[in-house]
Protein backbone atom coordinates (compact mmCIF):
# COMPACT_ATOMS: atom_id res chain seq x y z
CA UNK A 1 52.59 3.95 -36.65
CA UNK A 2 50.44 0.82 -36.44
CA UNK A 3 51.13 0.57 -32.71
CA UNK A 4 50.02 4.18 -32.15
CA UNK A 5 46.86 3.64 -34.19
CA UNK A 6 45.98 0.58 -32.13
CA UNK A 7 46.60 2.56 -28.94
CA UNK A 8 44.25 5.31 -30.09
CA UNK A 9 41.59 2.80 -31.16
CA UNK A 10 41.84 1.09 -27.80
CA UNK A 11 41.34 4.39 -25.97
CA UNK A 12 38.34 5.24 -28.15
CA UNK A 13 36.90 1.75 -27.64
CA UNK A 14 37.25 2.02 -23.87
CA UNK A 15 35.70 5.48 -23.87
CA UNK A 16 32.72 4.49 -26.02
CA UNK A 17 32.28 1.17 -24.21
CA UNK A 18 32.22 2.80 -20.81
CA UNK A 19 29.85 5.53 -21.93
CA UNK A 20 27.56 2.87 -23.36
CA UNK A 21 27.70 0.79 -20.15
CA UNK A 22 24.51 2.21 -18.55
CA UNK A 23 22.54 1.15 -21.64
CA UNK A 24 23.82 -2.44 -21.89
CA UNK A 25 20.86 -4.70 -21.54
CA UNK A 26 18.62 -1.61 -21.16
CA UNK A 27 16.00 -2.85 -23.61
CA UNK A 28 15.64 -6.20 -21.85
CA UNK A 29 15.51 -4.54 -18.42
CA UNK A 30 12.85 -2.10 -19.56
CA UNK A 31 10.80 -4.95 -21.03
CA UNK A 32 11.04 -6.92 -17.78
CA UNK A 33 10.12 -3.87 -15.70
CA UNK A 34 7.18 -3.17 -18.02
CA UNK A 35 5.82 -6.72 -17.51
CA UNK A 36 6.40 -6.52 -13.74
CA UNK A 37 4.71 -3.13 -13.58
CA UNK A 38 1.68 -4.49 -15.45
CA UNK A 39 1.45 -7.46 -13.08
CA UNK A 40 1.74 -5.17 -10.04
CA UNK A 41 -0.97 -2.86 -11.37
CA UNK A 42 -3.27 -5.83 -12.00
CA UNK A 43 -2.67 -7.20 -8.48
CA UNK A 44 -3.23 -3.78 -6.90
CA UNK A 45 -6.46 -3.40 -8.87
CA UNK A 46 -7.72 -6.74 -7.56
CA UNK A 47 -6.83 -5.67 -3.98
CA UNK A 48 -8.70 -2.38 -4.46
CA UNK A 49 -11.76 -4.28 -5.72
CA UNK A 50 -11.67 -6.50 -2.63
CA UNK A 51 -11.48 -3.42 -0.39
CA UNK A 52 -14.73 -2.17 -1.94
CA UNK A 53 -16.43 -5.55 -1.37
CA UNK A 54 -15.21 -5.60 2.25
CA UNK A 55 -16.54 -2.09 2.89
CA UNK A 56 -19.92 -3.06 1.40
CA UNK A 57 -20.09 -6.18 3.61
CA UNK A 58 -19.31 -4.18 6.74
CA UNK A 59 -22.06 -1.73 5.87
CA UNK A 60 -24.46 -4.63 5.24
CA UNK A 61 -23.63 -6.22 8.61
CA UNK A 62 -24.32 -2.91 10.34
CA UNK A 63 -27.71 -2.68 8.64
CA UNK A 64 -28.68 -6.27 9.53
CA UNK A 65 -27.73 -5.69 13.16
CA UNK A 66 -30.25 -2.85 13.27
CA UNK A 67 -33.04 -5.25 12.30
CA UNK A 68 -35.27 -7.00 14.82
CA UNK A 69 -33.31 -9.74 16.58
CA UNK A 70 -34.43 -13.08 15.17
CA UNK A 71 -32.70 -16.37 14.54
CA UNK A 72 -32.80 -15.67 10.81
CA UNK A 73 -31.22 -12.21 11.20
CA UNK A 74 -28.59 -13.56 13.60
CA UNK A 75 -27.63 -16.29 11.14
CA UNK A 76 -27.57 -13.68 8.38
CA UNK A 77 -25.11 -11.63 10.44
CA UNK A 78 -22.94 -14.69 11.08
CA UNK A 79 -23.00 -15.64 7.38
CA UNK A 80 -22.05 -12.07 6.43
CA UNK A 81 -19.20 -12.06 8.95
CA UNK A 82 -17.96 -15.36 7.58
CA UNK A 83 -18.06 -13.98 4.02
CA UNK A 84 -16.36 -10.78 5.21
CA UNK A 85 -13.56 -12.77 6.81
CA UNK A 86 -13.16 -14.88 3.66
CA UNK A 87 -12.76 -11.70 1.60
CA UNK A 88 -10.29 -10.26 4.12
CA UNK A 89 -8.28 -13.48 3.92
CA UNK A 90 -8.30 -13.24 0.11
CA UNK A 91 -7.19 -9.60 0.29
CA UNK A 92 -4.37 -10.39 2.73
CA UNK A 93 -3.17 -13.26 0.53
CA UNK A 94 -3.16 -11.02 -2.54
CA UNK A 95 -1.24 -8.35 -0.61
CA UNK A 96 1.34 -11.00 0.31
CA UNK A 97 1.56 -12.13 -3.33
CA UNK A 98 2.04 -8.53 -4.50
CA UNK A 99 4.78 -7.89 -1.96
CA UNK A 100 6.54 -11.13 -2.91
CA UNK A 101 6.38 -10.09 -6.58
CA UNK A 102 7.92 -6.72 -5.68
CA UNK A 103 10.58 -8.44 -3.55
CA UNK A 104 11.52 -10.67 -6.50
CA UNK A 105 11.77 -7.61 -8.75
CA UNK A 106 13.99 -5.86 -6.22
CA UNK A 107 16.16 -8.98 -5.90
CA UNK A 108 16.70 -9.01 -9.68
CA UNK A 109 17.55 -5.30 -9.69
CA UNK A 110 19.92 -5.70 -6.74
CA UNK A 111 21.71 -8.57 -8.49
CA UNK A 112 22.08 -6.39 -11.59
CA UNK A 113 23.38 -3.51 -9.51
CA UNK A 114 25.91 -5.77 -7.81
CA UNK A 115 27.18 -6.86 -11.23
CA UNK A 116 27.25 -3.28 -12.53
CA UNK A 117 29.10 -2.04 -9.46
CA UNK A 118 31.68 -4.78 -9.91
CA UNK A 119 32.24 -3.87 -13.55
CA UNK A 120 32.42 -0.16 -12.79
CA UNK A 121 34.87 -0.78 -9.99
CA UNK A 122 37.17 -2.80 -12.29
CA UNK A 123 37.06 -0.10 -14.96
CA UNK A 124 37.70 2.59 -12.36
CA UNK A 125 40.71 0.76 -10.89
CA UNK A 126 42.15 0.23 -14.38
CA UNK A 127 41.67 3.90 -15.26
CA UNK A 128 43.33 5.08 -12.06
CA UNK A 129 46.29 2.76 -12.67
CA UNK A 130 46.68 4.04 -16.25
CA UNK A 131 46.50 7.65 -15.12
CA UNK A 132 49.05 6.98 -12.41
CA UNK A 133 51.47 5.53 -14.97
CA UNK A 134 50.94 8.56 -17.24
CA UNK A 135 51.56 10.93 -14.33
CA UNK A 136 55.01 9.38 -13.80
CA UNK A 137 56.13 10.44 -17.32
CA UNK A 138 57.64 13.89 -17.65
CA UNK A 139 56.41 15.98 -20.61
CA UNK A 140 59.74 15.74 -22.46
CA UNK A 141 59.78 11.92 -22.35
CA UNK A 142 56.16 11.82 -23.50
CA UNK A 143 57.01 14.18 -26.37
CA UNK A 144 59.93 12.00 -27.50
CA UNK A 145 57.88 8.76 -27.22
CA UNK A 146 55.18 10.21 -29.51
CA UNK A 147 57.77 11.27 -32.12
CA UNK A 148 56.55 14.75 -32.67
CA UNK A 149 54.49 17.62 -31.32
CA UNK A 150 51.29 16.70 -33.15
CA UNK A 151 51.30 13.18 -31.72
CA UNK A 152 52.02 14.53 -28.25
CA UNK A 153 49.10 17.00 -28.48
CA UNK A 154 46.77 14.28 -29.74
CA UNK A 155 47.72 11.95 -26.89
CA UNK A 156 47.25 14.72 -24.36
CA UNK A 157 43.77 15.40 -25.75
CA UNK A 158 42.79 11.74 -25.38
CA UNK A 159 44.26 11.59 -21.88
CA UNK A 160 42.27 14.67 -20.87
CA UNK A 161 39.10 13.02 -22.17
CA UNK A 162 39.99 9.82 -20.34
CA UNK A 163 40.50 11.70 -17.07
CA UNK A 164 37.15 13.46 -17.49
CA UNK A 165 35.47 10.16 -18.18
CA UNK A 166 37.12 8.61 -15.13
CA UNK A 167 35.38 11.27 -13.08
CA UNK A 168 32.11 10.31 -14.79
CA UNK A 169 32.69 6.66 -13.85
CA UNK A 170 33.35 7.65 -10.25
CA UNK A 171 30.07 9.59 -10.16
CA UNK A 172 28.20 6.71 -11.81
CA UNK A 173 29.69 4.26 -9.32
CA UNK A 174 28.60 6.38 -6.36
CA UNK A 175 25.10 6.83 -7.84
CA UNK A 176 24.71 3.09 -8.43
CA UNK A 177 25.88 2.39 -4.89
CA UNK A 178 23.24 4.76 -3.51
CA UNK A 179 20.54 3.12 -5.64
CA UNK A 180 21.75 -0.30 -4.47
CA UNK A 181 21.53 0.71 -0.79
CA UNK A 182 18.06 2.23 -1.27
CA UNK A 183 16.64 -0.82 -3.04
CA UNK A 184 18.21 -3.19 -0.53
CA UNK A 185 16.54 -1.27 2.32
CA UNK A 186 13.23 -1.29 0.42
CA UNK A 187 13.47 -5.05 -0.04
CA UNK A 188 14.12 -5.60 3.68
CA UNK A 189 11.13 -3.39 4.59
CA UNK A 190 8.85 -5.34 2.25
CA UNK A 191 10.07 -8.64 3.71
CA UNK A 192 9.06 -7.37 7.16
CA UNK A 193 5.64 -6.37 5.77
CA UNK A 194 5.18 -9.88 4.39
CA UNK A 195 5.84 -11.41 7.81
CA UNK A 196 3.30 -9.07 9.44
CA UNK A 197 0.71 -10.02 6.83
CA UNK A 198 1.41 -13.74 7.25
CA UNK A 199 0.79 -13.41 10.99
CA UNK A 200 -2.39 -11.48 10.22
CA UNK A 201 -3.47 -14.18 7.76
CA UNK A 202 -3.02 -16.89 10.38
CA UNK A 203 -5.22 -14.95 12.81
CA UNK A 204 -7.87 -14.40 10.14
CA UNK A 205 -7.99 -18.11 9.34
CA UNK A 206 -8.42 -18.99 13.01
CA UNK A 207 -11.19 -16.41 13.32
CA UNK A 208 -12.93 -17.85 10.26
CA UNK A 209 -12.85 -21.34 11.77
CA UNK A 210 -14.29 -19.93 15.00
CA UNK A 211 -17.06 -18.10 13.15
CA UNK A 212 -18.10 -21.27 11.33
CA UNK A 213 -18.09 -23.15 14.65
CA UNK A 214 -20.19 -20.38 16.26
CA UNK A 215 -22.84 -20.77 13.58
CA UNK A 216 -23.01 -24.53 14.10
CA UNK A 217 -23.22 -24.06 17.88
CA UNK A 218 -26.10 -21.61 17.48
CA UNK A 219 -28.00 -23.99 15.23
CA UNK A 220 -27.44 -26.87 17.64
CA UNK A 221 -28.44 -24.90 20.76
CA UNK A 222 -31.58 -23.46 19.14
CA UNK A 223 -32.31 -26.57 17.06
CA UNK A 224 -32.74 -24.04 14.25
CA UNK A 225 -36.08 -23.07 15.83
CA UNK A 226 -37.15 -19.44 16.20
CA UNK A 227 -39.15 -19.96 19.39
CA UNK A 228 -36.28 -21.77 21.10
CA UNK A 229 -33.93 -19.00 20.03
CA UNK A 230 -36.19 -16.27 21.44
CA UNK A 231 -36.52 -18.12 24.76
CA UNK A 232 -32.77 -18.54 25.16
CA UNK A 233 -32.13 -14.96 24.08
CA UNK A 234 -34.60 -13.63 26.66
CA UNK A 235 -33.07 -15.79 29.42
CA UNK A 236 -29.51 -14.75 28.56
CA UNK A 237 -30.33 -11.04 28.44
CA UNK A 238 -32.31 -11.23 31.68
CA UNK A 239 -29.46 -13.06 33.44
CA UNK A 240 -26.91 -10.55 32.14
CA UNK A 241 -28.99 -7.59 33.37
CA UNK A 242 -29.57 -9.27 36.74
CA UNK A 243 -25.84 -9.87 37.22
CA UNK A 244 -25.11 -6.22 36.47
CA UNK A 245 -27.66 -5.19 39.09
CA UNK A 246 -26.23 -7.62 41.67
CA UNK A 247 -22.68 -6.32 41.22
CA UNK A 248 -24.00 -2.76 41.47
CA UNK A 249 -25.58 -3.62 44.84
CA UNK A 250 -29.12 -4.14 43.59
CA UNK A 251 -29.58 -7.63 45.03
CA UNK A 252 -31.47 -8.39 48.25
CA UNK A 253 -28.57 -9.65 50.42
CA UNK A 254 -27.98 -10.61 54.04
CA UNK A 255 -24.82 -11.67 55.79
CA UNK A 256 -24.77 -15.26 57.04
CA UNK A 257 -21.35 -15.88 58.59
CA UNK A 258 -17.61 -15.90 58.11
CA UNK A 259 -16.31 -18.81 56.04
CA UNK A 260 -12.97 -20.46 55.41
CA UNK A 261 -11.50 -21.65 52.16
CA UNK A 262 -13.19 -24.92 51.15
CA UNK A 263 -16.29 -24.47 53.35
CA UNK A 264 -19.61 -25.56 51.81
CA UNK A 265 -21.66 -22.47 51.00
CA UNK A 266 -24.47 -23.62 48.63
CA UNK A 267 -25.45 -26.22 46.03
CA UNK A 268 -26.19 -26.05 42.32
CA UNK A 269 -29.88 -26.22 41.39
CA UNK A 270 -30.40 -29.51 39.56
CA UNK A 271 -32.18 -28.77 36.29
CA UNK A 272 -33.54 -25.50 34.92
CA UNK A 273 -34.09 -22.49 37.16
CA UNK A 274 -34.86 -18.80 36.82
CA UNK A 275 -32.83 -17.25 33.99
CA UNK A 276 -31.01 -20.54 33.43
CA UNK A 277 -31.29 -23.06 30.60
CA UNK A 278 -30.02 -25.95 32.74
CA UNK A 279 -28.04 -27.02 35.80
CA UNK A 280 -24.76 -25.11 36.16
CA UNK A 281 -22.88 -22.79 38.49
CA UNK A 282 -22.24 -19.31 37.17
CA UNK A 283 -19.05 -18.19 38.96
CA UNK A 284 -17.96 -14.54 38.98
CA UNK A 285 -14.99 -12.62 40.32
CA UNK A 286 -15.48 -8.89 40.90
CA UNK A 287 -12.52 -6.67 41.71
CA UNK A 288 -12.91 -2.96 42.38
CA UNK A 289 -16.53 -3.15 41.25
CA UNK A 290 -15.63 -4.60 37.82
CA UNK A 291 -15.93 -8.10 36.35
CA UNK A 292 -12.55 -9.80 35.90
CA UNK A 293 -11.53 -13.09 34.35
CA UNK A 294 -11.52 -15.84 37.03
CA UNK A 295 -8.61 -17.47 35.16
CA UNK A 296 -6.22 -15.21 37.05
CA UNK A 297 -7.50 -16.50 40.41
CA UNK A 298 -8.31 -20.21 39.98
CA UNK A 299 -5.66 -22.94 39.99
CA UNK A 300 -4.71 -24.69 36.79
CA UNK A 301 -6.68 -27.93 36.43
CA UNK A 302 -7.46 -30.53 33.78
CA UNK A 303 -10.61 -28.94 32.38
CA UNK A 304 -13.23 -30.37 30.05
CA UNK A 305 -14.25 -27.50 27.79
CA UNK A 306 -17.53 -27.11 25.94
CA UNK A 307 -16.35 -23.73 24.67
CA UNK A 308 -13.14 -21.96 23.68
CA UNK A 309 -10.42 -22.75 26.20
CA UNK A 310 -7.81 -20.72 28.09
CA UNK A 311 -5.36 -21.33 30.94
CA UNK A 312 -5.60 -20.68 34.69
CA UNK A 313 -2.81 -19.15 36.77
CA UNK A 314 -4.23 -18.40 40.25
CA UNK A 315 -4.02 -19.95 43.71
CA UNK A 316 -7.69 -20.52 44.55
CA UNK A 317 -9.25 -23.97 44.62
CA UNK A 318 -12.24 -24.39 42.34
CA UNK A 319 -15.77 -23.88 43.75
CA UNK A 320 -16.89 -27.36 42.59
CA UNK A 321 -15.45 -30.77 43.43
CA UNK A 322 -13.37 -32.63 40.84
CA UNK A 323 -13.18 -29.56 38.61
CA UNK A 324 -14.43 -29.06 36.12
CA UNK A 325 -16.68 -29.21 33.13
CA UNK A 326 -16.77 -25.66 31.76
CA UNK A 327 -19.90 -25.13 29.68
CA UNK A 328 -19.10 -21.49 28.93
CA UNK A 329 -15.93 -19.52 29.47
CA UNK A 330 -15.30 -15.85 30.21
CA UNK A 331 -15.50 -13.07 27.64
CA UNK A 332 -16.56 -13.24 24.00
CA UNK A 333 -17.75 -16.84 23.87
CA UNK A 334 -19.72 -18.34 20.99
CA UNK A 335 -22.91 -17.35 22.83
CA UNK A 336 -21.66 -13.81 23.28
CA UNK A 337 -20.53 -13.54 19.64
CA UNK A 338 -24.03 -14.62 18.61
CA UNK A 339 -25.45 -11.59 20.45
CA UNK A 340 -27.03 -13.34 23.44
CA UNK A 341 -25.70 -10.70 25.85
CA UNK A 342 -26.54 -7.70 23.74
CA UNK A 343 -23.06 -7.46 22.26
CA UNK A 344 -21.26 -7.80 25.61
CA UNK A 345 -19.12 -10.69 26.77
CA UNK A 346 -19.92 -13.43 29.27
CA UNK A 347 -18.97 -12.01 32.67
CA UNK A 348 -18.09 -15.26 34.48
CA UNK A 349 -17.52 -18.98 34.01
CA UNK A 350 -20.29 -21.59 33.81
CA UNK A 351 -19.26 -24.95 35.25
CA UNK A 352 -20.16 -28.31 36.74
CA UNK A 353 -18.26 -30.98 38.67
CA UNK A 354 -16.96 -33.92 36.67
CA UNK A 355 -18.68 -36.09 39.32
CA UNK A 356 -22.16 -36.69 37.95
CA UNK A 357 -24.80 -35.50 40.43
CA UNK A 358 -22.30 -33.67 42.66
CA UNK A 359 -23.94 -30.28 43.15
CA UNK A 360 -21.80 -29.05 46.05
CA UNK A 361 -20.29 -25.54 46.05
CA UNK A 362 -17.46 -24.38 48.29
CA UNK A 363 -15.80 -21.04 48.99
CA UNK A 364 -12.64 -20.49 47.00
CA UNK A 365 -11.03 -18.48 49.83
CA UNK A 366 -11.69 -17.06 53.30
CA UNK A 367 -14.28 -14.30 53.63
CA UNK A 368 -17.75 -13.19 54.67
CA UNK A 369 -20.70 -15.14 53.26
CA UNK A 370 -23.82 -13.34 52.02
CA UNK A 371 -27.00 -14.87 50.62
CA UNK A 372 -29.06 -12.98 48.11
CA UNK A 373 -31.65 -12.98 45.36
CA UNK A 374 -32.83 -10.69 42.60
CA UNK A 375 -35.83 -10.61 40.32
CA UNK A 376 -35.04 -12.18 36.96
CA UNK A 377 -37.52 -13.09 34.23
CA UNK A 378 -40.61 -14.58 35.87
CA UNK A 379 -38.97 -15.43 39.20
CA UNK A 380 -36.02 -14.79 41.48
CA UNK A 381 -32.41 -15.66 40.74
CA UNK A 382 -30.71 -16.94 43.91
CA UNK A 383 -27.02 -16.48 44.60
CA UNK A 384 -24.38 -16.29 47.32
CA UNK A 385 -21.47 -13.88 47.60
CA UNK A 386 -18.22 -14.22 49.50
CA UNK A 387 -16.52 -10.93 50.32
CA UNK A 388 -12.83 -11.78 50.55
CA UNK A 389 -11.61 -8.24 51.23
CA UNK A 390 -12.63 -4.65 50.57
CA UNK A 391 -11.71 -5.01 46.90
CA UNK A 392 -12.51 -8.60 45.84
CA UNK A 393 -15.74 -10.63 46.03
CA UNK A 394 -16.85 -13.88 44.39
CA UNK A 395 -20.42 -14.60 43.23
CA UNK A 396 -22.10 -18.01 42.84
CA UNK A 397 -25.37 -17.97 40.86
CA UNK A 398 -28.20 -20.46 40.18
CA UNK A 399 -27.87 -22.06 43.61
CA UNK A 400 -29.84 -23.40 46.57
CA UNK A 401 -28.93 -22.39 50.13
């Protein structure tokens, strides 16, 4: 009788224990999730606030850019862009922090699910084994073992409940496995998001450093003087407009002769000249009527850069001897980012020879040599052009011939 009572108590204990399993540790889990949820909401609120600040700064920059172009307004734009980038960096960092918090939460949940799945699996295996053993007993043997009909009926009732609960455990196990797979996939997706944001953050930091350098360059070039700024702005805009006219066929040109690669074709004007702030060769490559980066045509050399640098991958020799000191590269240089070309990029490369006082210019490849000039500012900008084929020409500006 004692043995039967213990058997019944054990069955009841297993039944109640398994039913109570989903709630084990539930209070602690809910408390942890409540704290995590509060932290996530706080972080998301801070990110939303930063978004508003960023939108306001972008609007402010747009308004300043509509003002009359002065050194003060240009510096104001640069300062606003620097502040904007700082806020974007802060926002990106907070987004990374929020994702990492969510990843940690998911990791904790996944660990709990792994433990729960293990426990459920053990219970399920035990139940199946017990049911298998019971299925091997014929009803008559079971009746004799329980010493009476009432005991047999009672045992059958408990076994029926146990079988039903085994089905519940199977369903719970499958549900937990689905939740586990979903949260594991969510964690992996968030980890990928974090990596994207980290790459974005690195780019934002580099841009911020460039913006700060651009401001210092502007102050150095203009000596923080409004009149100097206006003079350089006028020269840069005039040169840019003249170059556009030249490429469009607006220059006064005449053919001189055919030239070979390396032939002398002109010389750099020593000192200031029309639409130029100082001695340099402005070198352009035009393909199909459009400006292209000379980096794809000129050979790789050991370059001294006064501006942001990039590599060269072409086959042409450089147009100056002992190349080269590059005073301004192609594209969105610090000058261009400061608005000197009306928002457009620098369309060529400004350079000098590393040999002091060497003003010689040579053709980078075979072609037809043209000499030309165009009105620019208060005088005429002189240039030469070498037509290499029907599609490609090179231009050499601020020269004597």
